[in-house]
PDB file of N, CA and C in Angstrom:
ATOM      1  N   UNK A   1       9.203 -12.831  -0.570  1.00  0.00           N
ATOM      2  CA  UNK A   1      10.006 -11.855   0.210  1.00  0.00           C
ATOM      3  C   UNK A   1      10.617 -10.820  -0.715  1.00  0.00           C
ATOM      4  N   UNK A   2      11.084 -11.264  -1.848  1.00  0.00           N
ATOM      5  CA  UNK A   2      11.736 -10.362  -2.822  1.00  0.00           C
ATOM      6  C   UNK A   2      10.732  -9.304  -3.267  1.00  0.00           C
ATOM      7  N   UNK A   3       9.486  -9.697  -3.591  1.00  0.00           N
ATOM      8  CA  UNK A   3       8.501  -8.755  -4.063  1.00  0.00           C
ATOM      9  C   UNK A   3       8.138  -7.754  -2.991  1.00  0.00           C
ATOM     10  N   UNK A   4       7.964  -8.238  -1.759  1.00  0.00           N
ATOM     11  CA  UNK A   4       7.674  -7.343  -0.598  1.00  0.00           C
ATOM     12  C   UNK A   4       8.823  -6.367  -0.429  1.00  0.00           C
ATOM     13  N   UNK A   5      10.049  -6.877  -0.453  1.00  0.00           N
ATOM     14  CA  UNK A   5      11.197  -6.027  -0.323  1.00  0.00           C
ATOM     15  C   UNK A   5      11.266  -4.979  -1.382  1.00  0.00           C
ATOM     16  N   UNK A   6      10.954  -5.343  -2.621  1.00  0.00           N
ATOM     17  CA  UNK A   6      10.967  -4.389  -3.749  1.00  0.00           C
ATOM     18  C   UNK A   6       9.956  -3.304  -3.507  1.00  0.00           C
ATOM     19  N   UNK A   7       8.723  -3.681  -3.106  1.00  0.00           N
ATOM     20  CA  UNK A   7       7.677  -2.691  -2.911  1.00  0.00           C
ATOM     21  C   UNK A   7       7.948  -1.751  -1.748  1.00  0.00           C
ATOM     22  N   UNK A   8       8.643  -2.277  -0.698  1.00  0.00           N
ATOM     23  CA  UNK A   8       9.010  -1.465   0.448  1.00  0.00           C
ATOM     24  C   UNK A   8      10.416  -0.817   0.348  1.00  0.00           C
ATOM     25  N   UNK A   9      11.118  -1.159  -0.731  1.00  0.00           N
ATOM     26  CA  UNK A   9      12.514  -0.677  -0.894  1.00  0.00           C
ATOM     27  C   UNK A   9      13.380  -1.114   0.293  1.00  0.00           C
ATOM     28  N   UNK A  10      13.273  -2.383   0.628  1.00  0.00           N
ATOM     29  CA  UNK A  10      13.965  -2.945   1.769  1.00  0.00           C
ATOM     30  C   UNK A  10      14.721  -4.198   1.229  1.00  0.00           C
ATOM     31  N   UNK A  11      15.901  -4.494   1.806  1.00  0.00           N
ATOM     32  CA  UNK A  11      16.601  -5.709   1.461  1.00  0.00           C
ATOM     33  C   UNK A  11      15.820  -6.968   1.915  1.00  0.00           C
ATOM     34  N   UNK A  12      15.931  -8.049   1.116  1.00  0.00           N
ATOM     35  CA  UNK A  12      15.206  -9.260   1.417  1.00  0.00           C
ATOM     36  C   UNK A  12      15.471  -9.768   2.804  1.00  0.00           C
ATOM     37  N   UNK A  13      16.736  -9.801   3.321  1.00  0.00           N
ATOM     38  CA  UNK A  13      16.952 -10.298   4.661  1.00  0.00           C
ATOM     39  C   UNK A  13      16.202  -9.527   5.726  1.00  0.00           C
ATOM     40  N   UNK A  14      16.071  -8.233   5.516  1.00  0.00           N
ATOM     41  CA  UNK A  14      15.397  -7.363   6.468  1.00  0.00           C
ATOM     42  C   UNK A  14      13.907  -7.722   6.472  1.00  0.00           C
ATOM     43  N   UNK A  15      13.324  -7.916   5.271  1.00  0.00           N
ATOM     44  CA  UNK A  15      11.923  -8.263   5.092  1.00  0.00           C
ATOM     45  C   UNK A  15      11.650  -9.591   5.826  1.00  0.00           C
ATOM     46  N   UNK A  16      12.559 -10.515   5.601  1.00  0.00           N
ATOM     47  CA  UNK A  16      12.447 -11.869   6.206  1.00  0.00           C
ATOM     48  C   UNK A  16      12.354 -11.744   7.725  1.00  0.00           C
ATOM     49  N   UNK A  17      13.214 -10.927   8.311  1.00  0.00           N
ATOM     50  CA  UNK A  17      13.168 -10.726   9.792  1.00  0.00           C
ATOM     51  C   UNK A  17      11.875 -10.118  10.246  1.00  0.00           C
ATOM     52  N   UNK A  18      11.342  -9.160   9.491  1.00  0.00           N
ATOM     53  CA  UNK A  18      10.072  -8.494   9.867  1.00  0.00           C
ATOM     54  C   UNK A  18       8.939  -9.513   9.769  1.00  0.00           C
ATOM     55  N   UNK A  19       8.928 -10.329   8.687  1.00  0.00           N
ATOM     56  CA  UNK A  19       7.874 -11.293   8.480  1.00  0.00           C
ATOM     57  C   UNK A  19       7.937 -12.334   9.637  1.00  0.00           C
ATOM     58  N   UNK A  20       9.163 -12.749   9.999  1.00  0.00           N
ATOM     59  CA  UNK A  20       9.293 -13.697  11.136  1.00  0.00           C
ATOM     60  C   UNK A  20       8.686 -13.122  12.356  1.00  0.00           C
ATOM     61  N   UNK A  21       8.899 -11.836  12.633  1.00  0.00           N
ATOM     62  CA  UNK A  21       8.287 -11.246  13.828  1.00  0.00           C
ATOM     63  C   UNK A  21       6.743 -11.201  13.710  1.00  0.00           C
ATOM     64  N   UNK A  22       6.211 -10.905  12.551  1.00  0.00           N
ATOM     65  CA  UNK A  22       4.774 -10.930  12.338  1.00  0.00           C
ATOM     66  C   UNK A  22       4.184 -12.327  12.499  1.00  0.00           C
ATOM     67  N   UNK A  23       4.953 -13.316  12.096  1.00  0.00           N
ATOM     68  CA  UNK A  23       4.525 -14.743  12.218  1.00  0.00           C
ATOM     69  C   UNK A  23       4.465 -15.122  13.682  1.00  0.00           C
ATOM     70  N   UNK A  24       5.479 -14.690  14.444  1.00  0.00           N
ATOM     71  CA  UNK A  24       5.518 -14.928  15.887  1.00  0.00           C
ATOM     72  C   UNK A  24       4.322 -14.337  16.605  1.00  0.00           C
ATOM     73  N   UNK A  25       3.795 -13.277  16.117  1.00  0.00           N
ATOM     74  CA  UNK A  25       2.612 -12.631  16.699  1.00  0.00           C
ATOM     75  C   UNK A  25       1.321 -13.087  16.100  1.00  0.00           C
ATOM     76  N   UNK A  26       1.422 -14.090  15.174  1.00  0.00           N
ATOM     77  CA  UNK A  26       0.258 -14.659  14.516  1.00  0.00           C
ATOM     78  C   UNK A  26      -0.528 -13.631  13.687  1.00  0.00           C
ATOM     79  N   UNK A  27       0.232 -12.660  13.047  1.00  0.00           N
ATOM     80  CA  UNK A  27      -0.397 -11.703  12.250  1.00  0.00           C
ATOM     81  C   UNK A  27      -0.351 -12.057  10.749  1.00  0.00           C
ATOM     82  N   UNK A  28       0.656 -12.861  10.380  1.00  0.00           N
ATOM     83  CA  UNK A  28       0.789 -13.334   9.025  1.00  0.00           C
ATOM     84  C   UNK A  28       1.248 -14.794   9.079  1.00  0.00           C
ATOM     85  N   UNK A  29       1.173 -15.445   7.892  1.00  0.00           N
ATOM     86  CA  UNK A  29       1.643 -16.829   7.792  1.00  0.00           C
ATOM     87  C   UNK A  29       2.281 -17.006   6.452  1.00  0.00           C
ATOM     88  N   UNK A  30       3.255 -17.961   6.418  1.00  0.00           N
ATOM     89  CA  UNK A  30       3.897 -18.275   5.142  1.00  0.00           C
ATOM     90  C   UNK A  30       3.045 -19.375   4.466  1.00  0.00           C
ATOM     91  N   UNK A  31       2.830 -19.222   3.158  1.00  0.00           N
ATOM     92  CA  UNK A  31       2.105 -20.189   2.425  1.00  0.00           C
ATOM     93  C   UNK A  31       2.977 -20.591   1.204  1.00  0.00           C
ATOM     94  N   UNK A  32       3.309 -21.872   1.121  1.00  0.00           N
ATOM     95  CA  UNK A  32       4.213 -22.358   0.093  1.00  0.00           C
ATOM     96  C   UNK A  32       3.373 -22.709  -1.137  1.00  0.00           C
ATOM     97  N   UNK A  33       3.851 -22.349  -2.275  1.00  0.00           N
ATOM     98  CA  UNK A  33       3.184 -22.658  -3.586  1.00  0.00           C
ATOM     99  C   UNK A  33       3.275 -24.175  -3.842  1.00  0.00           C
ATOM    100  N   UNK A  34       2.150 -24.785  -4.148  1.00  0.00           N
ATOM    101  CA  UNK A  34       2.102 -26.211  -4.375  1.00  0.00           C
ATOM    102  C   UNK A  34       2.858 -26.585  -5.629  1.00  0.00           C
ATOM    103  N   UNK A  35       2.942 -25.710  -6.611  1.00  0.00           N
ATOM    104  CA  UNK A  35       3.593 -26.058  -7.860  1.00  0.00           C
ATOM    105  C   UNK A  35       5.089 -25.745  -7.833  1.00  0.00           C
ATOM    106  N   UNK A  36       5.496 -24.802  -7.006  1.00  0.00           N
ATOM    107  CA  UNK A  36       6.896 -24.461  -6.959  1.00  0.00           C
ATOM    108  C   UNK A  36       7.243 -24.088  -5.506  1.00  0.00           C
ATOM    109  N   UNK A  37       7.950 -25.025  -4.831  1.00  0.00           N
ATOM    110  CA  UNK A  37       8.282 -24.834  -3.439  1.00  0.00           C
ATOM    111  C   UNK A  37       9.207 -23.609  -3.160  1.00  0.00           C
ATOM    112  N   UNK A  38       9.823 -23.098  -4.212  1.00  0.00           N
ATOM    113  CA  UNK A  38      10.717 -21.940  -4.049  1.00  0.00           C
ATOM    114  C   UNK A  38       9.877 -20.711  -3.814  1.00  0.00           C
ATOM    115  N   UNK A  39       8.609 -20.709  -4.237  1.00  0.00           N
ATOM    116  CA  UNK A  39       7.747 -19.536  -4.040  1.00  0.00           C
ATOM    117  C   UNK A  39       7.081 -19.615  -2.674  1.00  0.00           C
ATOM    118  N   UNK A  40       7.303 -18.570  -1.923  1.00  0.00           N
ATOM    119  CA  UNK A  40       6.746 -18.464  -0.630  1.00  0.00           C
ATOM    120  C   UNK A  40       5.890 -17.173  -0.586  1.00  0.00           C
ATOM    121  N   UNK A  41       4.580 -17.367  -0.364  1.00  0.00           N
ATOM    122  CA  UNK A  41       3.679 -16.184  -0.204  1.00  0.00           C
ATOM    123  C   UNK A  41       3.473 -15.901   1.245  1.00  0.00           C
ATOM    124  N   UNK A  42       3.131 -14.719   1.516  1.00  0.00           N
ATOM    125  CA  UNK A  42       2.828 -14.273   2.907  1.00  0.00           C
ATOM    126  C   UNK A  42       1.364 -13.869   2.923  1.00  0.00           C
ATOM    127  N   UNK A  43       0.613 -14.477   3.826  1.00  0.00           N
ATOM    128  CA  UNK A  43      -0.828 -14.205   3.890  1.00  0.00           C
ATOM    129  C   UNK A  43      -1.173 -13.613   5.285  1.00  0.00           C
ATOM    130  N   UNK A  44      -2.023 -12.645   5.294  1.00  0.00           N
ATOM    131  CA  UNK A  44      -2.448 -12.059   6.599  1.00  0.00           C
ATOM    132  C   UNK A  44      -3.454 -13.010   7.256  1.00  0.00           C
ATOM    133  N   UNK A  45      -3.245 -13.260   8.548  1.00  0.00           N
ATOM    134  CA  UNK A  45      -4.150 -14.084   9.299  1.00  0.00           C
ATOM    135  C   UNK A  45      -5.421 -13.314   9.715  1.00  0.00           C
ATOM    136  N   UNK A  46      -6.392 -13.996  10.249  1.00  0.00           N
ATOM    137  CA  UNK A  46      -7.597 -13.317  10.740  1.00  0.00           C
ATOM    138  C   UNK A  46      -7.244 -12.284  11.821  1.00  0.00           C
ATOM    139  N   UNK A  47      -6.313 -12.688  12.732  1.00  0.00           N
ATOM    140  CA  UNK A  47      -5.886 -11.783  13.777  1.00  0.00           C
ATOM    141  C   UNK A  47      -5.195 -10.568  13.166  1.00  0.00           C
ATOM    142  N   UNK A  48      -4.362 -10.776  12.137  1.00  0.00           N
ATOM    143  CA  UNK A  48      -3.720  -9.689  11.462  1.00  0.00           C
ATOM    144  C   UNK A  48      -4.653  -8.724  10.794  1.00  0.00           C
ATOM    145  N   UNK A  49      -5.674  -9.290  10.111  1.00  0.00           N
ATOM    146  CA  UNK A  49      -6.695  -8.464   9.431  1.00  0.00           C
ATOM    147  C   UNK A  49      -7.495  -7.664  10.436  1.00  0.00           C
ATOM    148  N   UNK A  50      -7.827  -8.260  11.533  1.00  0.00           N
ATOM    149  CA  UNK A  50      -8.583  -7.543  12.560  1.00  0.00           C
ATOM    150  C   UNK A  50      -7.755  -6.416  13.135  1.00  0.00           C
ATOM    151  N   UNK A  51      -6.518  -6.694  13.417  1.00  0.00           N
ATOM    152  CA  UNK A  51      -5.573  -5.637  13.967  1.00  0.00           C
ATOM    153  C   UNK A  51      -5.459  -4.520  12.931  1.00  0.00           C
ATOM    154  N   UNK A  52      -5.296  -4.856  11.679  1.00  0.00           N
ATOM    155  CA  UNK A  52      -5.165  -3.834  10.648  1.00  0.00           C
ATOM    156  C   UNK A  52      -6.418  -2.972  10.598  1.00  0.00           C
ATOM    157  N   UNK A  53      -7.575  -3.605  10.603  1.00  0.00           N
ATOM    158  CA  UNK A  53      -8.840  -2.876  10.579  1.00  0.00           C
ATOM    159  C   UNK A  53      -8.976  -1.938  11.778  1.00  0.00           C
ATOM    160  N   UNK A  54      -8.527  -2.360  12.929  1.00  0.00           N
ATOM    161  CA  UNK A  54      -8.579  -1.502  14.137  1.00  0.00           C
ATOM    162  C   UNK A  54      -7.679  -0.291  13.949  1.00  0.00           C
ATOM    163  N   UNK A  55      -6.500  -0.513  13.479  1.00  0.00           N
ATOM    164  CA  UNK A  55      -5.519   0.624  13.214  1.00  0.00           C
ATOM    165  C   UNK A  55      -6.105   1.575  12.194  1.00  0.00           C
ATOM    166  N   UNK A  56      -6.609   0.975  11.127  1.00  0.00           N
ATOM    167  CA  UNK A  56      -7.216   1.849  10.068  1.00  0.00           C
ATOM    168  C   UNK A  56      -8.351   2.694  10.574  1.00  0.00           C
ATOM    169  N   UNK A  57      -9.204   2.113  11.416  1.00  0.00           N
ATOM    170  CA  UNK A  57     -10.289   2.835  12.001  1.00  0.00           C
ATOM    171  C   UNK A  57      -9.788   3.994  12.919  1.00  0.00           C
ATOM    172  N   UNK A  58      -8.775   3.713  13.701  1.00  0.00           N
ATOM    173  CA  UNK A  58      -8.220   4.760  14.561  1.00  0.00           C
ATOM    174  C   UNK A  58      -7.637   5.907  13.766  1.00  0.00           C
ATOM    175  N   UNK A  59      -6.934   5.578  12.735  1.00  0.00           N
ATOM    176  CA  UNK A  59      -6.288   6.606  11.855  1.00  0.00           C
ATOM    177  C   UNK A  59      -7.379   7.435  11.172  1.00  0.00           C
ATOM    178  N   UNK A  60      -8.461   6.807  10.744  1.00  0.00           N
ATOM    179  CA  UNK A  60      -9.553   7.468  10.109  1.00  0.00           C
ATOM    180  C   UNK A  60     -10.213   8.462  11.068  1.00  0.00           C
ATOM    181  N   UNK A  61     -10.374   7.999  12.283  1.00  0.00           N
ATOM    182  CA  UNK A  61     -11.015   8.871  13.313  1.00  0.00           C
ATOM    183  C   UNK A  61     -10.141  10.081  13.621  1.00  0.00           C
ATOM    184  N   UNK A  62      -8.848   9.873  13.745  1.00  0.00           N
ATOM    185  CA  UNK A  62      -7.874  10.967  14.043  1.00  0.00           C
ATOM    186  C   UNK A  62      -7.874  11.958  12.864  1.00  0.00           C
ATOM    187  N   UNK A  63      -7.828  11.434  11.644  1.00  0.00           N
ATOM    188  CA  UNK A  63      -7.810  12.283  10.487  1.00  0.00           C
ATOM    189  C   UNK A  63      -9.106  13.128  10.366  1.00  0.00           C
ATOM    190  N   UNK A  64     -10.225  12.470  10.629  1.00  0.00           N
ATOM    191  CA  UNK A  64     -11.517  13.147  10.541  1.00  0.00           C
ATOM    192  C   UNK A  64     -11.531  14.325  11.571  1.00  0.00           C
ATOM    193  N   UNK A  65     -11.034  14.085  12.770  1.00  0.00           N
ATOM    194  CA  UNK A  65     -10.983  15.162  13.774  1.00  0.00           C
ATOM    195  C   UNK A  65     -10.109  16.342  13.334  1.00  0.00           C
ATOM    196  N   UNK A  66      -8.953  16.034  12.704  1.00  0.00           N
ATOM    197  CA  UNK A  66      -8.055  17.060  12.247  1.00  0.00           C
ATOM    198  C   UNK A  66      -8.682  17.832  11.082  1.00  0.00           C
ATOM    199  N   UNK A  67      -9.355  17.126  10.174  1.00  0.00           N
ATOM    200  CA  UNK A  67      -9.930  17.785   9.015  1.00  0.00           C
ATOM    201  C   UNK A  67     -11.126  18.704   9.431  1.00  0.00           C
ATOM    202  N   UNK A  68     -11.734  18.393  10.529  1.00  0.00           N
ATOM    203  CA  UNK A  68     -12.873  19.233  10.935  1.00  0.00           C
ATOM    204  C   UNK A  68     -12.395  20.638  11.350  1.00  0.00           C
ATOM    205  N   UNK A  69     -11.126  20.762  11.613  1.00  0.00           N
ATOM    206  CA  UNK A  69     -10.570  22.035  12.011  1.00  0.00           C
ATOM    207  C   UNK A  69     -10.315  22.979  10.820  1.00  0.00           C
ATOM    208  N   UNK A  70     -10.444  22.418   9.619  1.00  0.00           N
ATOM    209  CA  UNK A  70     -10.161  23.223   8.399  1.00  0.00           C
ATOM    210  C   UNK A  70     -11.475  23.837   7.876  1.00  0.00           C
ATOM    211  N   UNK A  71     -11.299  25.041   7.276  1.00  0.00           N
ATOM    212  CA  UNK A  71     -12.437  25.709   6.672  1.00  0.00           C
ATOM    213  C   UNK A  71     -12.754  25.088   5.312  1.00  0.00           C
ATOM    214  N   UNK A  72     -13.934  25.395   4.763  1.00  0.00           N
ATOM    215  CA  UNK A  72     -14.413  24.802   3.521  1.00  0.00           C
ATOM    216  C   UNK A  72     -13.437  25.058   2.351  1.00  0.00           C
ATOM    217  N   UNK A  73     -12.902  26.215   2.238  1.00  0.00           N
ATOM    218  CA  UNK A  73     -11.997  26.539   1.128  1.00  0.00           C
ATOM    219  C   UNK A  73     -10.711  25.666   1.191  1.00  0.00           C
ATOM    220  N   UNK A  74     -10.185  25.580   2.385  1.00  0.00           N
ATOM    221  CA  UNK A  74      -8.981  24.739   2.536  1.00  0.00           C
ATOM    222  C   UNK A  74      -9.277  23.290   2.266  1.00  0.00           C
ATOM    223  N   UNK A  75     -10.451  22.781   2.660  1.00  0.00           N
ATOM    224  CA  UNK A  75     -10.837  21.431   2.382  1.00  0.00           C
ATOM    225  C   UNK A  75     -10.993  21.168   0.844  1.00  0.00           C
ATOM    226  N   UNK A  76     -11.493  22.135   0.142  1.00  0.00           N
ATOM    227  CA  UNK A  76     -11.614  22.017  -1.324  1.00  0.00           C
ATOM    228  C   UNK A  76     -10.199  21.933  -1.949  1.00  0.00           C
ATOM    229  N   UNK A  77      -9.343  22.783  -1.522  1.00  0.00           N
ATOM    230  CA  UNK A  77      -7.958  22.767  -2.064  1.00  0.00           C
ATOM    231  C   UNK A  77      -7.286  21.418  -1.728  1.00  0.00           C
ATOM    232  N   UNK A  78      -7.470  20.950  -0.518  1.00  0.00           N
ATOM    233  CA  UNK A  78      -6.903  19.667  -0.133  1.00  0.00           C
ATOM    234  C   UNK A  78      -7.496  18.507  -0.999  1.00  0.00           C
ATOM    235  N   UNK A  79      -8.812  18.528  -1.214  1.00  0.00           N
ATOM    236  CA  UNK A  79      -9.436  17.495  -2.037  1.00  0.00           C
ATOM    237  C   UNK A  79      -8.916  17.512  -3.474  1.00  0.00           C
ATOM    238  N   UNK A  80      -8.784  18.717  -4.004  1.00  0.00           N
ATOM    239  CA  UNK A  80      -8.303  18.837  -5.381  1.00  0.00           C
ATOM    240  C   UNK A  80      -6.842  18.350  -5.499  1.00  0.00           C
ATOM    241  N   UNK A  81      -6.053  18.794  -4.532  1.00  0.00           N
ATOM    242  CA  UNK A  81      -4.649  18.383  -4.506  1.00  0.00           C
ATOM    243  C   UNK A  81      -4.494  16.852  -4.369  1.00  0.00           C
ATOM    244  N   UNK A  82      -5.326  16.299  -3.542  1.00  0.00           N
ATOM    245  CA  UNK A  82      -5.272  14.841  -3.344  1.00  0.00           C
ATOM    246  C   UNK A  82      -5.638  14.108  -4.614  1.00  0.00           C
ATOM    247  N   UNK A  83      -6.611  14.606  -5.369  1.00  0.00           N
ATOM    248  CA  UNK A  83      -6.941  13.986  -6.643  1.00  0.00           C
ATOM    249  C   UNK A  83      -5.767  14.027  -7.621  1.00  0.00           C
ATOM    250  N   UNK A  84      -5.087  15.197  -7.667  1.00  0.00           N
ATOM    251  CA  UNK A  84      -3.920  15.315  -8.526  1.00  0.00           C
ATOM    252  C   UNK A  84      -2.842  14.303  -8.120  1.00  0.00           C
ATOM    253  N   UNK A  85      -2.557  14.202  -6.846  1.00  0.00           N
ATOM    254  CA  UNK A  85      -1.524  13.244  -6.375  1.00  0.00           C
ATOM    255  C   UNK A  85      -1.951  11.808  -6.701  1.00  0.00           C
ATOM    256  N   UNK A  86      -3.231  11.503  -6.521  1.00  0.00           N
ATOM    257  CA  UNK A  86      -3.720  10.157  -6.850  1.00  0.00           C
ATOM    258  C   UNK A  86      -3.568   9.840  -8.315  1.00  0.00           C
ATOM    259  N   UNK A  87      -3.900  10.802  -9.191  1.00  0.00           N
ATOM    260  CA  UNK A  87      -3.749  10.599 -10.638  1.00  0.00           C
ATOM    261  C   UNK A  87      -2.269  10.361 -10.975  1.00  0.00           C
ATOM    262  N   UNK A  88      -1.386  11.122 -10.361  1.00  0.00           N
ATOM    263  CA  UNK A  88       0.052  10.937 -10.643  1.00  0.00           C
ATOM    264  C   UNK A  88       0.521   9.572 -10.168  1.00  0.00           C
ATOM    265  N   UNK A  89       0.101   9.167  -8.979  1.00  0.00           N
ATOM    266  CA  UNK A  89       0.510   7.851  -8.474  1.00  0.00           C
ATOM    267  C   UNK A  89      -0.018   6.714  -9.345  1.00  0.00           C
ATOM    268  N   UNK A  90      -1.255   6.874  -9.842  1.00  0.00           N
ATOM    269  CA  UNK A  90      -1.842   5.859 -10.714  1.00  0.00           C
ATOM    270  C   UNK A  90      -0.985   5.740 -11.981  1.00  0.00           C
ATOM    271  N   UNK A  91      -0.596   6.896 -12.532  1.00  0.00           N
ATOM    272  CA  UNK A  91       0.251   6.908 -13.709  1.00  0.00           C
ATOM    273  C   UNK A  91       1.575   6.252 -13.480  1.00  0.00           C
ATOM    274  N   UNK A  92       2.196   6.553 -12.345  1.00  0.00           N
ATOM    275  CA  UNK A  92       3.470   5.918 -12.013  1.00  0.00           C
ATOM    276  C   UNK A  92       3.303   4.431 -11.853  1.00  0.00           C
ATOM    277  N   UNK A  93       2.258   4.036 -11.191  1.00  0.00           N
ATOM    278  CA  UNK A  93       2.002   2.620 -10.959  1.00  0.00           C
ATOM    279  C   UNK A  93       1.753   1.888 -12.293  1.00  0.00           C
ATOM    280  N   UNK A  94       1.008   2.497 -13.171  1.00  0.00           N
ATOM    281  CA  UNK A  94       0.734   1.883 -14.513  1.00  0.00           C
ATOM    282  C   UNK A  94       2.050   1.725 -15.266  1.00  0.00           C
ATOM    283  N   UNK A  95       2.860   2.780 -15.233  1.00  0.00           N
ATOM    284  CA  UNK A  95       4.169   2.684 -15.922  1.00  0.00           C
ATOM    285  C   UNK A  95       5.017   1.529 -15.342  1.00  0.00           C
ATOM    286  N   UNK A  96       5.017   1.408 -14.006  1.00  0.00           N
ATOM    287  CA  UNK A  96       5.778   0.338 -13.352  1.00  0.00           C
ATOM    288  C   UNK A  96       5.193  -1.004 -13.743  1.00  0.00           C
ATOM    289  N   UNK A  97       3.879  -1.139 -13.800  1.00  0.00           N
ATOM    290  CA  UNK A  97       3.264  -2.406 -14.119  1.00  0.00           C
ATOM    291  C   UNK A  97       3.615  -2.788 -15.541  1.00  0.00           C
ATOM    292  N   UNK A  98       3.542  -1.783 -16.462  1.00  0.00           N
ATOM    293  CA  UNK A  98       3.857  -2.107 -17.874  1.00  0.00           C
ATOM    294  C   UNK A  98       5.312  -2.506 -18.006  1.00  0.00           C
ATOM    295  N   UNK A  99       6.209  -1.822 -17.296  1.00  0.00           N
ATOM    296  CA  UNK A  99       7.634  -2.145 -17.304  1.00  0.00           C
ATOM    297  C   UNK A  99       7.834  -3.544 -16.706  1.00  0.00           C
ATOM    298  N   UNK A 100       7.145  -3.903 -15.637  1.00  0.00           N
ATOM    299  CA  UNK A 100       7.261  -5.187 -14.977  1.00  0.00           C
ATOM    300  C   UNK A 100       6.744  -6.256 -15.899  1.00  0.00           C
ATOM    301  N   UNK A 101       5.676  -6.022 -16.606  1.00  0.00           N
ATOM    302  CA  UNK A 101       5.095  -6.999 -17.569  1.00  0.00           C
ATOM    303  C   UNK A 101       6.089  -7.271 -18.651  1.00  0.00           C
ATOM    304  N   UNK A 102       6.745  -6.234 -19.148  1.00  0.00           N
ATOM    305  CA  UNK A 102       7.743  -6.400 -20.172  1.00  0.00           C
ATOM    306  C   UNK A 102       8.926  -7.213 -19.694  1.00  0.00           C
ATOM    307  N   UNK A 103       9.373  -6.933 -18.483  1.00  0.00           N
ATOM    308  CA  UNK A 103      10.468  -7.700 -17.871  1.00  0.00           C
ATOM    309  C   UNK A 103      10.076  -9.122 -17.687  1.00  0.00           C
ATOM    310  N   UNK A 104       8.858  -9.414 -17.164  1.00  0.00           N
ATOM    311  CA  UNK A 104       8.361 -10.772 -16.996  1.00  0.00           C
ATOM    312  C   UNK A 104       8.349 -11.515 -18.285  1.00  0.00           C
ATOM    313  N   UNK A 105       7.929 -10.859 -19.370  1.00  0.00           N
ATOM    314  CA  UNK A 105       7.878 -11.466 -20.713  1.00  0.00           C
ATOM    315  C   UNK A 105       9.274 -11.863 -21.173  1.00  0.00           C
ATOM    316  N   UNK A 106      10.211 -10.975 -20.964  1.00  0.00           N
ATOM    317  CA  UNK A 106      11.600 -11.264 -21.370  1.00  0.00           C
ATOM    318  C   UNK A 106      12.157 -12.448 -20.566  1.00  0.00           C
ATOM    319  N   UNK A 107      11.861 -12.534 -19.267  1.00  0.00           N
ATOM    320  CA  UNK A 107      12.325 -13.583 -18.423  1.00  0.00           C
ATOM    321  C   UNK A 107      11.731 -14.898 -18.926  1.00  0.00           C
ATOM    322  N   UNK A 108      10.438 -14.939 -19.268  1.00  0.00           N
ATOM    323  CA  UNK A 108       9.793 -16.145 -19.812  1.00  0.00           C
ATOM    324  C   UNK A 108      10.431 -16.593 -21.062  1.00  0.00           C
ATOM    325  N   UNK A 109      10.857 -15.630 -21.952  1.00  0.00           N
ATOM    326  CA  UNK A 109      11.498 -16.015 -23.196  1.00  0.00           C
ATOM    327  C   UNK A 109      12.799 -16.719 -22.972  1.00  0.00           C
ATOM    328  N   UNK A 110      13.522 -16.282 -21.943  1.00  0.00           N
ATOM    329  CA  UNK A 110      14.840 -16.884 -21.698  1.00  0.00           C
ATOM    330  C   UNK A 110      14.782 -18.200 -21.014  1.00  0.00           C
ATOM    331  N   UNK A 111      13.665 -18.471 -20.352  1.00  0.00           N
ATOM    332  CA  UNK A 111      13.481 -19.743 -19.641  1.00  0.00           C
ATOM    333  C   UNK A 111      13.050 -20.771 -20.567  1.00  0.00           C
TER     334      UNK A 111
END
């Protein structure tokens, strides 16, 4: 829950409530770690994966229809801009991963 909350910038109690609602709809399930019962993972169920794929398909279709309205020049600019944003996000993510790895190493040293 803490990791999900961190990634979504949401407090843990709020994440827990949302996960409880998803569990009630059989979209996700809690999976307890066999080695450490304090660790609770959240796994998407088959129903949840199917629902996600349906939503993803709908969004793709809508986006495709909207992009068809753009001329070739605008599409090229959009594609290039998207690549730049992707590169920046990858850099940010790599920096975060490196920082997290360093934090994890420090925690391991203290334990």
